[in-house]
Protein backbone atom coordinates (compact mmCIF):
# COMPACT_ATOMS: atom_id res chain seq x y z
CA MET A 1 68.73 46.02 -23.09
CA ILE A 2 65.96 43.23 -22.42
CA THR A 3 64.88 43.61 -18.66
CA ARG A 4 63.56 41.41 -16.29
CA LYS A 5 60.07 42.12 -16.57
CA GLU A 6 59.86 42.35 -20.48
CA ILE A 7 61.31 38.67 -19.91
CA SER A 8 58.41 37.50 -17.61
CA ILE A 9 55.92 38.89 -20.06
CA ALA A 10 57.24 37.24 -22.88
CA ALA A 11 57.37 33.85 -20.94
CA GLY A 12 53.35 34.57 -19.61
CA ILE A 13 52.55 35.18 -23.52
CA VAL A 14 54.47 31.58 -24.73
CA GLY A 15 52.92 29.84 -21.75
CA THR A 16 49.34 31.27 -22.57
CA ALA A 17 49.91 30.08 -26.23
CA ALA A 18 50.85 26.96 -25.30
CA ILE A 19 48.04 26.27 -23.14
CA ALA A 20 45.58 27.25 -26.05
CA LEU A 21 47.36 24.76 -28.26
CA VAL A 22 47.14 21.84 -26.24
CA ALA A 23 43.37 22.76 -25.41
CA HIS A 24 42.75 23.04 -29.13
CA THR A 25 44.78 19.51 -30.04
CA ILE A 26 42.56 17.61 -27.29
CA ALA A 27 39.46 19.27 -28.65
CA LYS A 28 40.42 18.01 -31.94
CA ASP A 29 41.37 14.73 -31.06
CA ASP A 30 37.90 14.41 -29.16
CA ASP A 31 36.13 15.16 -32.34
CA ASP A 32 38.31 13.09 -34.61
CA ALA A 33 37.86 9.91 -32.12
CA PRO A 34 35.76 7.40 -33.44
CA THR A 35 32.09 7.24 -31.99
CA HIS A 36 30.94 4.21 -34.17
CA ALA A 37 27.92 6.10 -35.21
CA ALA A 38 28.08 4.95 -38.33
CA GLY A 39 27.82 1.22 -36.92
CA GLY A 40 25.34 2.10 -34.36
CA HIS A 41 27.12 0.84 -31.51
CA ASP A 42 26.59 2.70 -28.09
CA HIS A 43 28.25 0.38 -25.50
CA ALA A 44 26.66 1.70 -22.26
CA ALA A 45 23.33 1.11 -23.86
CA MET A 46 24.60 -2.53 -24.78
CA LEU A 47 25.40 -2.80 -21.29
CA ALA A 48 21.95 -2.05 -20.17
CA GLY A 49 20.74 -5.02 -22.23
CA ALA A 50 17.34 -3.65 -22.23
CA GLY A 51 15.52 -5.31 -25.01
CA ALA A 52 18.89 -7.13 -26.48
CA GLU A 53 18.73 -10.95 -26.84
CA LEU A 54 21.39 -11.73 -23.86
CA HIS A 55 24.10 -14.36 -24.74
CA PRO A 56 24.44 -17.78 -22.13
CA VAL A 57 26.99 -17.45 -19.51
CA LEU A 58 29.69 -20.45 -18.75
CA LEU A 59 31.39 -19.91 -15.69
CA ASP A 60 33.58 -22.59 -13.99
CA ASP A 61 33.02 -23.76 -10.34
CA GLU A 62 35.95 -21.33 -9.01
CA ALA A 63 34.55 -18.22 -10.84
CA ALA A 64 31.03 -18.84 -9.54
CA ARG A 65 32.24 -19.12 -6.15
CA ARG A 66 34.41 -15.80 -6.23
CA ILE A 67 31.81 -13.72 -7.24
CA GLY A 68 29.10 -15.48 -4.82
CA VAL A 69 26.77 -17.31 -7.28
CA THR A 70 24.30 -19.52 -5.48
CA PHE A 71 21.31 -21.38 -6.96
CA ALA A 72 17.91 -22.37 -5.67
CA VAL A 73 15.10 -24.74 -7.24
CA VAL A 74 12.14 -23.70 -8.56
CA GLU A 75 9.36 -25.13 -6.05
CA ARG A 76 5.86 -26.02 -6.54
CA GLY A 77 3.25 -25.80 -3.52
CA PRO A 78 1.31 -23.23 -1.38
CA LEU A 79 2.63 -19.58 -1.23
CA ALA A 80 1.10 -17.41 1.44
CA ARG A 81 1.45 -13.73 2.11
CA THR A 82 1.17 -11.94 5.62
CA VAL A 83 -0.61 -8.56 5.06
CA ARG A 84 -0.07 -5.59 7.52
CA ALA A 85 -2.59 -2.51 8.04
CA ALA A 86 -2.80 0.08 10.22
CA GLY A 87 -6.20 0.80 11.85
CA VAL A 88 -7.98 2.62 14.28
CA VAL A 89 -10.38 1.25 16.89
CA ALA A 90 -14.21 3.34 16.31
CA TYR A 91 -17.54 3.35 17.56
CA ASP A 92 -19.93 0.34 16.34
CA GLU A 93 -22.18 2.73 14.18
CA THR A 94 -25.03 0.10 14.53
CA ARG A 95 -25.22 0.65 18.08
CA LEU A 96 -25.11 4.75 18.37
CA VAL A 97 -28.18 6.22 19.40
CA ASP A 98 -29.16 9.92 19.49
CA VAL A 99 -31.62 11.73 22.00
CA SER A 100 -33.13 14.51 20.49
CA PRO A 101 -36.60 16.17 21.85
CA ARG A 102 -39.49 16.44 19.47
CA VAL A 103 -40.84 19.46 21.28
CA GLU A 104 -39.48 22.88 21.97
CA GLY A 105 -38.73 23.50 25.83
CA TRP A 106 -36.25 24.15 28.56
CA ALA A 107 -33.93 21.69 30.32
CA GLU A 108 -34.92 22.21 34.08
CA GLU A 109 -32.68 19.23 35.70
CA VAL A 110 -29.86 17.53 33.51
CA TYR A 111 -29.27 14.08 34.96
CA ALA A 112 -26.75 12.54 32.67
CA ASP A 113 -24.53 15.80 33.32
CA PHE A 114 -21.05 14.61 31.53
CA THR A 115 -19.34 13.12 28.76
CA GLY A 116 -18.50 9.36 29.35
CA ALA A 117 -21.07 8.64 31.92
CA PRO A 118 -22.41 5.24 31.64
CA VAL A 119 -26.20 5.02 31.32
CA ARG A 120 -28.62 2.06 31.31
CA GLN A 121 -31.88 1.88 29.20
CA GLY A 122 -34.66 3.50 30.77
CA GLU A 123 -32.70 5.92 33.18
CA PRO A 124 -33.61 9.62 33.14
CA LEU A 125 -31.40 11.86 31.24
CA LEU A 126 -33.11 15.35 31.68
CA ALA A 127 -36.35 17.32 32.69
CA LEU A 128 -37.65 18.92 30.23
CA TYR A 129 -40.46 21.83 30.58
CA SER A 130 -42.67 22.43 27.53
CA PRO A 131 -45.91 24.29 27.25
CA ALA A 132 -46.96 21.92 24.41
CA LEU A 133 -46.41 18.95 26.82
CA VAL A 134 -48.28 20.70 29.70
CA ALA A 135 -51.33 21.15 26.78
CA ALA A 136 -51.20 17.64 25.98
CA GLN A 137 -51.61 16.45 29.44
CA GLU A 138 -54.31 18.39 30.13
CA GLU A 139 -56.27 17.25 27.21
CA LEU A 140 -55.25 13.75 28.00
CA ILE A 141 -56.88 14.17 31.45
CA LEU A 142 -60.11 15.71 30.06
CA ALA A 143 -60.28 12.71 27.72
CA ARG A 144 -59.96 10.70 30.76
CA ARG A 145 -62.63 12.09 32.76
CA LEU A 146 -64.86 12.21 29.75
CA ALA A 147 -64.46 8.15 28.95
CA ASP A 148 -65.07 7.51 32.38
CA ARG A 149 -68.28 9.45 32.81
CA LEU A 150 -69.75 8.07 29.49
CA GLU A 151 -68.49 4.15 29.87
CA THR A 152 -71.50 3.36 32.10
CA ALA A 153 -73.92 4.64 29.65
CA GLY A 154 -72.51 3.20 26.30
CA GLY A 155 -73.50 3.82 22.96
CA PRO A 156 -71.86 5.88 20.23
CA ALA A 157 -71.12 8.89 22.92
CA ALA A 158 -68.70 6.28 24.95
CA GLU A 159 -66.98 4.87 21.75
CA ASN A 160 -66.21 8.38 20.98
CA ALA A 161 -64.64 9.34 24.51
CA ARG A 162 -62.67 6.31 24.03
CA GLU A 163 -61.81 7.01 20.83
CA LEU A 164 -60.50 10.50 22.01
CA LEU A 165 -58.57 9.52 25.03
CA ASP A 166 -56.12 7.12 22.94
CA ALA A 167 -55.52 9.87 20.57
CA ALA A 168 -54.57 11.86 23.66
CA ARG A 169 -52.34 9.14 24.76
CA ARG A 170 -50.88 8.47 21.16
CA ARG A 171 -50.12 12.38 21.05
CA LEU A 172 -47.75 12.13 23.86
CA GLY A 173 -46.29 8.95 22.80
CA TYR A 174 -45.28 10.31 19.54
CA TRP A 175 -43.82 13.34 21.21
CA GLY A 176 -41.31 10.85 22.91
CA ILE A 177 -43.11 10.35 26.27
CA ASP A 178 -43.10 6.61 27.82
CA PRO A 179 -46.17 4.75 28.38
CA ASP A 180 -45.54 4.27 32.10
CA GLN A 181 -45.42 8.10 32.44
CA ILE A 182 -48.89 8.60 30.73
CA ALA A 183 -50.27 5.95 32.64
CA ALA A 184 -49.02 7.80 35.92
CA ILE A 185 -50.58 11.10 34.58
CA GLU A 186 -53.87 9.69 34.06
CA LEU A 187 -53.70 8.26 37.94
CA ARG A 188 -52.66 11.31 39.44
CA ASP A 189 -55.35 13.30 37.30
CA ALA A 190 -53.22 16.25 36.95
CA PRO A 191 -50.43 17.58 34.72
CA GLU A 192 -46.53 17.54 35.48
CA ARG A 193 -44.71 20.77 34.95
CA THR A 194 -41.83 18.59 33.51
CA LEU A 195 -41.57 15.48 31.63
CA VAL A 196 -38.35 13.11 31.79
CA LEU A 197 -36.61 12.08 28.79
CA ARG A 198 -34.97 8.58 29.25
CA ALA A 199 -32.01 6.75 27.88
CA PRO A 200 -33.45 4.56 24.73
CA ALA A 201 -30.13 2.01 25.20
CA ASP A 202 -27.49 1.27 27.31
CA GLY A 203 -24.40 2.71 26.54
CA VAL A 204 -21.67 5.63 27.38
CA VAL A 205 -22.49 9.37 26.74
CA VAL A 206 -20.33 10.03 24.16
CA GLU A 207 -21.54 13.48 23.03
CA LYS A 208 -23.49 16.06 25.64
CA ASN A 209 -25.23 19.18 24.23
CA VAL A 210 -26.89 20.60 26.85
CA VAL A 211 -26.92 21.96 30.24
CA ARG A 212 -29.21 23.05 33.02
CA GLY A 213 -31.70 25.89 31.71
CA SER A 214 -30.54 25.35 27.80
CA ARG A 215 -33.40 26.16 25.44
CA VAL A 216 -34.02 23.20 23.01
CA GLU A 217 -35.84 22.76 19.63
CA PRO A 218 -37.38 20.07 17.98
CA GLY A 219 -34.51 18.21 16.48
CA THR A 220 -31.29 19.34 18.74
CA VAL A 221 -28.98 16.55 19.42
CA LEU A 222 -28.84 16.47 23.12
CA TYR A 223 -27.02 13.20 23.60
CA ARG A 224 -25.25 10.47 21.71
CA ILE A 225 -24.93 7.26 23.26
CA ALA A 226 -22.71 4.50 22.21
CA ASP A 227 -22.60 0.75 22.93
CA LEU A 228 -19.11 0.02 23.56
CA SER A 229 -19.72 -3.77 24.07
CA ARG A 230 -18.88 -4.28 20.49
CA VAL A 231 -16.51 -1.91 18.54
CA TRP A 232 -14.89 -1.40 14.78
CA VAL A 233 -11.46 -1.55 13.85
CA GLU A 234 -11.31 0.05 10.78
CA GLY A 235 -8.02 -0.40 8.69
CA GLU A 236 -6.18 0.97 5.35
CA VAL A 237 -5.24 -1.71 2.86
CA PHE A 238 -2.94 -0.60 0.23
CA GLU A 239 -4.54 -1.05 -3.35
CA LYS A 240 -1.97 -4.00 -4.39
CA ASP A 241 -3.13 -6.14 -1.29
CA LEU A 242 -6.95 -5.74 -1.82
CA ALA A 243 -6.90 -9.16 -3.76
CA LEU A 244 -6.03 -10.84 -0.95
CA ILE A 245 -8.42 -9.61 1.43
CA GLU A 246 -12.36 -10.82 1.31
CA ALA A 247 -15.26 -10.63 3.66
CA GLY A 248 -14.85 -13.36 6.79
CA ARG A 249 -11.04 -13.69 6.96
CA ARG A 250 -9.56 -13.83 10.08
CA VAL A 251 -7.49 -11.03 11.21
CA ASP A 252 -5.07 -10.94 14.29
CA VAL A 253 -5.38 -7.28 15.79
CA THR A 254 -3.16 -5.50 18.24
CA VAL A 255 -3.24 -2.55 20.11
CA ASP A 256 -0.36 -0.63 21.80
CA ALA A 257 -2.17 -0.28 25.32
CA TYR A 258 -1.59 -4.25 25.76
CA PRO A 259 1.76 -5.28 24.25
CA GLY A 260 1.65 -8.82 23.09
CA GLU A 261 -2.09 -9.53 23.51
CA ARG A 262 -3.47 -10.47 20.25
CA LEU A 263 -7.18 -9.96 19.60
CA GLU A 264 -8.92 -12.09 16.83
CA GLY A 265 -11.59 -10.98 14.89
CA THR A 266 -12.93 -11.26 11.22
CA VAL A 267 -13.01 -8.99 8.34
CA ALA A 268 -16.94 -7.75 8.16
CA TYR A 269 -16.70 -5.11 5.15
CA ILE A 270 -14.70 -3.88 2.99
CA HIS A 271 -15.73 -0.50 1.49
CA PRO A 272 -16.47 -0.42 -2.32
CA THR A 273 -14.12 3.08 -3.07
CA LEU A 274 -10.59 3.59 -2.87
CA SER A 275 -8.76 6.73 -1.49
CA ALA A 276 -7.18 8.33 -4.62
CA GLU A 277 -4.80 10.22 -2.23
CA SER A 278 -3.22 7.19 -0.27
CA ARG A 279 -4.19 4.41 -2.84
CA THR A 280 -5.84 2.75 0.05
CA ALA A 281 -9.21 0.80 0.77
CA ARG A 282 -10.78 1.10 4.15
CA ILE A 283 -11.80 -2.20 5.50
CA ARG A 284 -13.92 -3.19 9.07
CA VAL A 285 -13.24 -5.70 11.66
CA GLU A 286 -15.74 -6.47 14.19
CA LEU A 287 -14.50 -6.79 17.92
CA PRO A 288 -16.16 -7.89 21.17
CA ASN A 289 -15.24 -5.30 23.87
CA PRO A 290 -15.66 -7.11 27.27
CA GLY A 291 -14.74 -4.57 30.13
CA LEU A 292 -14.72 -1.70 27.77
CA ARG A 293 -10.80 -2.26 26.93
CA LEU A 294 -10.85 -1.06 23.53
CA LYS A 295 -11.24 2.72 23.26
CA PRO A 296 -12.64 4.38 20.33
CA GLY A 297 -9.73 6.77 18.98
CA MET A 298 -7.04 4.09 20.27
CA TYR A 299 -4.36 3.15 17.08
CA ALA A 300 -4.34 -0.88 15.99
CA SER A 301 -2.25 -3.17 13.82
CA LEU A 302 -4.15 -5.74 11.32
CA THR A 303 -2.22 -8.73 10.50
CA PHE A 304 -3.69 -11.16 7.86
CA ASP A 305 -2.08 -14.36 6.73
CA ALA A 306 -3.61 -14.56 3.18
CA PRO A 307 -2.95 -17.34 0.61
CA ILE A 308 -1.36 -16.53 -2.52
CA HIS A 309 -1.71 -19.81 -4.21
CA ASP A 310 -2.16 -23.61 -2.71
CA ASP A 311 -0.26 -25.02 -5.69
CA GLY A 312 1.60 -23.16 -7.77
CA LEU A 313 5.45 -22.27 -8.53
CA HIS A 314 7.64 -19.73 -6.53
CA ILE A 315 11.40 -18.91 -6.35
CA PRO A 316 13.46 -16.56 -4.41
CA ARG A 317 12.85 -12.51 -4.95
CA SER A 318 16.55 -12.32 -5.59
CA ALA A 319 16.42 -14.28 -8.56
CA VAL A 320 14.23 -12.08 -10.71
CA LEU A 321 15.89 -9.41 -12.71
CA THR A 322 13.37 -6.61 -13.47
CA THR A 323 14.31 -4.43 -16.36
CA GLY A 324 11.39 -2.27 -16.51
CA THR A 325 9.85 -4.08 -19.36
CA ARG A 326 10.45 -7.50 -18.49
CA SER A 327 11.37 -9.83 -16.00
CA LEU A 328 14.61 -12.36 -16.25
CA VAL A 329 16.51 -15.00 -14.31
CA PHE A 330 19.15 -17.10 -15.00
CA VAL A 331 18.31 -20.79 -15.36
CA ARG A 332 21.11 -23.14 -15.34
CA ALA A 333 21.41 -25.56 -18.27
CA HIS A 334 22.63 -29.40 -18.42
CA ASP A 335 26.00 -27.97 -19.44
CA GLY A 336 26.41 -25.85 -16.58
CA SER A 337 25.75 -22.64 -18.69
CA LEU A 338 23.35 -20.12 -17.07
CA VAL A 339 20.75 -19.24 -19.76
CA PRO A 340 18.76 -15.92 -19.23
CA ARG A 341 14.94 -16.71 -19.70
CA GLU A 342 12.13 -14.18 -19.46
CA VAL A 343 9.32 -15.21 -16.97
CA THR A 344 6.13 -13.75 -15.81
CA ALA A 345 6.17 -13.04 -12.24
CA GLY A 346 3.07 -12.48 -9.64
CA ARG A 347 2.69 -11.80 -6.45
CA VAL A 348 5.41 -11.47 -3.75
CA ALA A 349 4.96 -13.44 -0.51
CA GLY A 350 8.08 -11.97 1.66
CA GLU A 351 11.47 -13.19 0.09
CA GLU A 352 9.58 -15.76 -2.56
CA VAL A 353 7.86 -14.52 -5.75
CA GLU A 354 5.13 -16.36 -7.31
CA ILE A 355 6.03 -17.61 -11.43
CA LEU A 356 3.29 -17.28 -13.43
CA ASP A 357 4.88 -18.44 -16.59
CA GLY A 358 8.51 -19.24 -18.23
CA LEU A 359 9.92 -21.89 -15.39
CA ALA A 360 8.98 -25.59 -14.73
CA ALA A 361 9.31 -27.09 -11.55
CA GLY A 362 12.57 -28.29 -10.82
CA ASP A 363 14.33 -25.51 -12.65
CA VAL A 364 17.72 -24.27 -11.12
CA VAL A 365 17.89 -20.60 -11.26
CA VAL A 366 20.79 -18.25 -10.09
CA SER A 367 19.48 -16.46 -6.47
CA ALA A 368 22.35 -14.66 -5.86
CA ALA A 369 24.90 -12.54 -7.96
CA ASN A 370 22.58 -12.53 -10.75
CA PHE A 371 23.35 -8.68 -11.46
CA LEU A 372 27.00 -9.87 -12.12
CA ILE A 373 26.01 -12.80 -14.53
CA ASP A 374 23.51 -10.10 -16.17
CA ALA A 375 26.73 -7.76 -17.05
CA GLU A 376 28.59 -11.21 -18.34
CA ALA A 377 25.50 -11.74 -20.64
CA ASN A 378 25.50 -8.29 -21.88
CA LEU A 379 29.07 -7.56 -22.35
CA GLY A 380 28.71 -11.01 -24.50
CA THR A 381 25.98 -9.65 -26.73
CA ALA A 382 28.02 -6.28 -27.24
CA PHE A 383 31.33 -8.19 -27.87
CA THR A 384 29.87 -10.03 -30.76
CA SER A 385 27.77 -7.24 -32.18
CA HIS A 386 31.30 -5.39 -32.01
CA HIS A 387 32.85 -8.12 -34.10
CA ASP A 388 30.24 -8.87 -36.31
CA HIS A 389 29.71 -5.10 -37.27
CA GLY A 390 33.01 -3.58 -36.26
CA LEU A 391 35.26 -4.95 -39.21
CA HIS A 392 36.20 -3.10 -42.49
CA THR A 393 38.02 -3.75 -45.75
CA ASP A 394 40.75 -1.10 -46.46
CA HIS A 395 41.64 0.17 -49.96
CA ASP A 396 44.43 -2.80 -50.06
CA GLY A 397 41.77 -5.54 -49.62
CA HIS A 398 43.23 -5.95 -45.79
CA THR A 399 40.63 -6.81 -43.33
CA GLY A 400 41.10 -4.95 -39.61
CA HIS A 401 39.04 -3.14 -37.25
CA ASP A 402 37.74 -0.15 -38.23
CA ALA A 403 38.84 1.75 -34.34
CA HIS A 404 42.06 1.65 -32.52
CA PRO A 405 43.35 -1.98 -32.75
CA ASP A 406 42.97 -2.12 -28.80
CA HIS A 407 39.34 -1.14 -28.59
CA LEU A 408 38.11 -4.21 -27.45
CA THR A 409 40.80 -4.78 -24.95
CA HIS A 410 40.19 -1.43 -23.56
CA THR A 411 36.40 -2.17 -22.85
CA ARG A 412 37.24 -5.43 -21.30
CA PRO A 413 40.66 -6.80 -20.84
CA GLU A 414 41.47 -10.42 -21.59
CA PRO A 415 43.76 -12.63 -20.18
CA ALA A 416 47.21 -12.75 -21.33
CA ALA A 417 47.04 -16.22 -22.23
CA THR A 418 44.19 -15.32 -24.99
CA HIS A 419 45.77 -12.49 -26.16
CA HIS A 420 45.83 -12.94 -30.27
CA ASP A 421 48.66 -11.54 -32.40
CA HIS A 422 47.87 -9.26 -34.76
CA GLY A 423 51.20 -9.46 -36.77
CA SER A 424 53.70 -6.64 -37.71
CA HIS A 425 53.72 -4.44 -40.80
CA ASP A 426 57.34 -5.20 -40.89
CA ASP A 427 56.91 -9.00 -41.15
CA PRO A 428 57.82 -9.93 -44.67
CA GLY A 429 54.70 -11.67 -45.18
CA GLY A 430 52.76 -8.79 -44.68
CA ALA A 431 49.60 -10.69 -43.28
CA HIS A 432 47.10 -9.04 -40.78
CA THR A 433 45.11 -11.47 -38.47
CA THR A 434 41.86 -10.68 -37.32
CA PRO A 435 41.04 -11.24 -33.57
CA ALA A 436 38.30 -13.52 -33.03
CA ALA A 437 35.49 -12.62 -30.57
CA PRO A 438 36.49 -13.20 -27.08
CA SER A 439 34.89 -16.80 -25.80
CA HIS A 440 32.86 -16.55 -22.51
CA SER A 441 34.02 -19.75 -21.38
CA THR A 442 37.78 -18.03 -20.90
CA HIS A 443 36.50 -15.17 -19.01
CA THR A 444 37.24 -15.49 -15.01
CA ALA A 445 37.72 -11.84 -14.27
CA HIS A 446 34.38 -9.94 -13.34
C-alpha cells in the first residue's frame, strides 16, 4: 500500500521534471528564434539612427498637434552671448611696495605697529640702530669739516675734500637714508644713534614682519605696503568662452558685500596660459576703489556681453539633434513633409545656437518634439530596410517573410484600416500576398 509520504515524494519529482522540461523548451525556442543575423538587421541599432540616412516624415496637422510639434524660422541677424565668470578682488601688483633695510641693525622704535595701518609717503615706519650707519655718519661729519676748512684755500685739495663729502653723502643715500636726514646730520655736526626708515608710498600696511627690538638683516622684508586706490579683479574664464573675451572689453562686476550694485571695468589683461586642472584661463579687470570699499579677497562675479556675430544665422537650441558625430535638424518642405538635414552648429548663446552651414534664412525647422520626429524617421529606415531584405522565396517559388508573419506589426502596430490580408492556405487559389512596406503618411500613432 502506497503511503501519503511516498505520494508527496513522487509528486515533487514529477513537478521538478516538468519545470526542467519547460525551461529546456523556452531555451530551445530562444535559440531557434530568428535573430536576422544573416540579414544584418539590428532594430535597436536602426532606431538609434547613427550614421543611417533618415527618411522624411509626413504628419498631418492633427498628429503634429497631438505630439506637440512646433516650428521656428531660421533668422539672420546679430547674436550675442552673456559670459559669466567667478573672480576675486586682489591687490594691484604694480602698487605694492616692500620696505627692506640695506644694512644690519636692530629696530629701536616701531611706528607703524600693526597690519592694516594706513601710511602716507614720507611718514616714519621704524627707527633703526646700525653700527654701520653710525660709522657712515661720522665719516660724513669729518668730510664736511674738511671741506669747510679747505674751501677758502681752493686748489686741488679743496676739490678732493668736496669729492670726499659727496661720496659720504652718496653712501648714506645708497643705504636708504633720505636727503633731508643727511642734511640734518651735517647741520647738527653729530651722528645720530638711530636713523628712521620712512614709507616710500601712500597705502596700507598689508604685511608686517618686525616688532620693537627685532634684529634685522639686509634684504629682510619688514613691511609690505599696498596702494588700494585701484584694485584688480582676477576672474576664471572657461576655455570655450576664451574666443569671446578680448582686452578692452567692458565688464560688469558685482560683489556680495554690495548687492544690486554694478561696477564697470574693462579687461586689462588675459593670461597666456591655461589651467590644465580646471580648463580655465585667468583674466584681469582693473577697477578704481574710492573709499577703499573693495577689499582684496572679496569674491566677485564678472558678466560680459560678448557678440558672436553681427550678421549670421541662428535657430533655437532645441531644434538641433546631436548624435555625437553629426547635428541634425528637421526642415519643413513645401509639401509639408519634415526632411532631416545635417547642419554645422557654432556657438551657443542662451536658447539660440549659431548655424554655420546647412540652412538658409527663412527655412522652417522643427523646434519641439523633434526627438519624436527623429524616432519616426528612424522607424521608416528600419521598416524600409526590413522590407527590402527580409523577403525570401521558398522551395515552391512562393515569396514570404523569413520571420513570423506578424514581425513588422510586432515592432510597430499599424492602424486596423491599413492591415493587409496575407491570404489563407485553405484558399483554393493558394496565392500568397506580400504585405507592402507601411507608408509614413498613414501613421498617426506615436
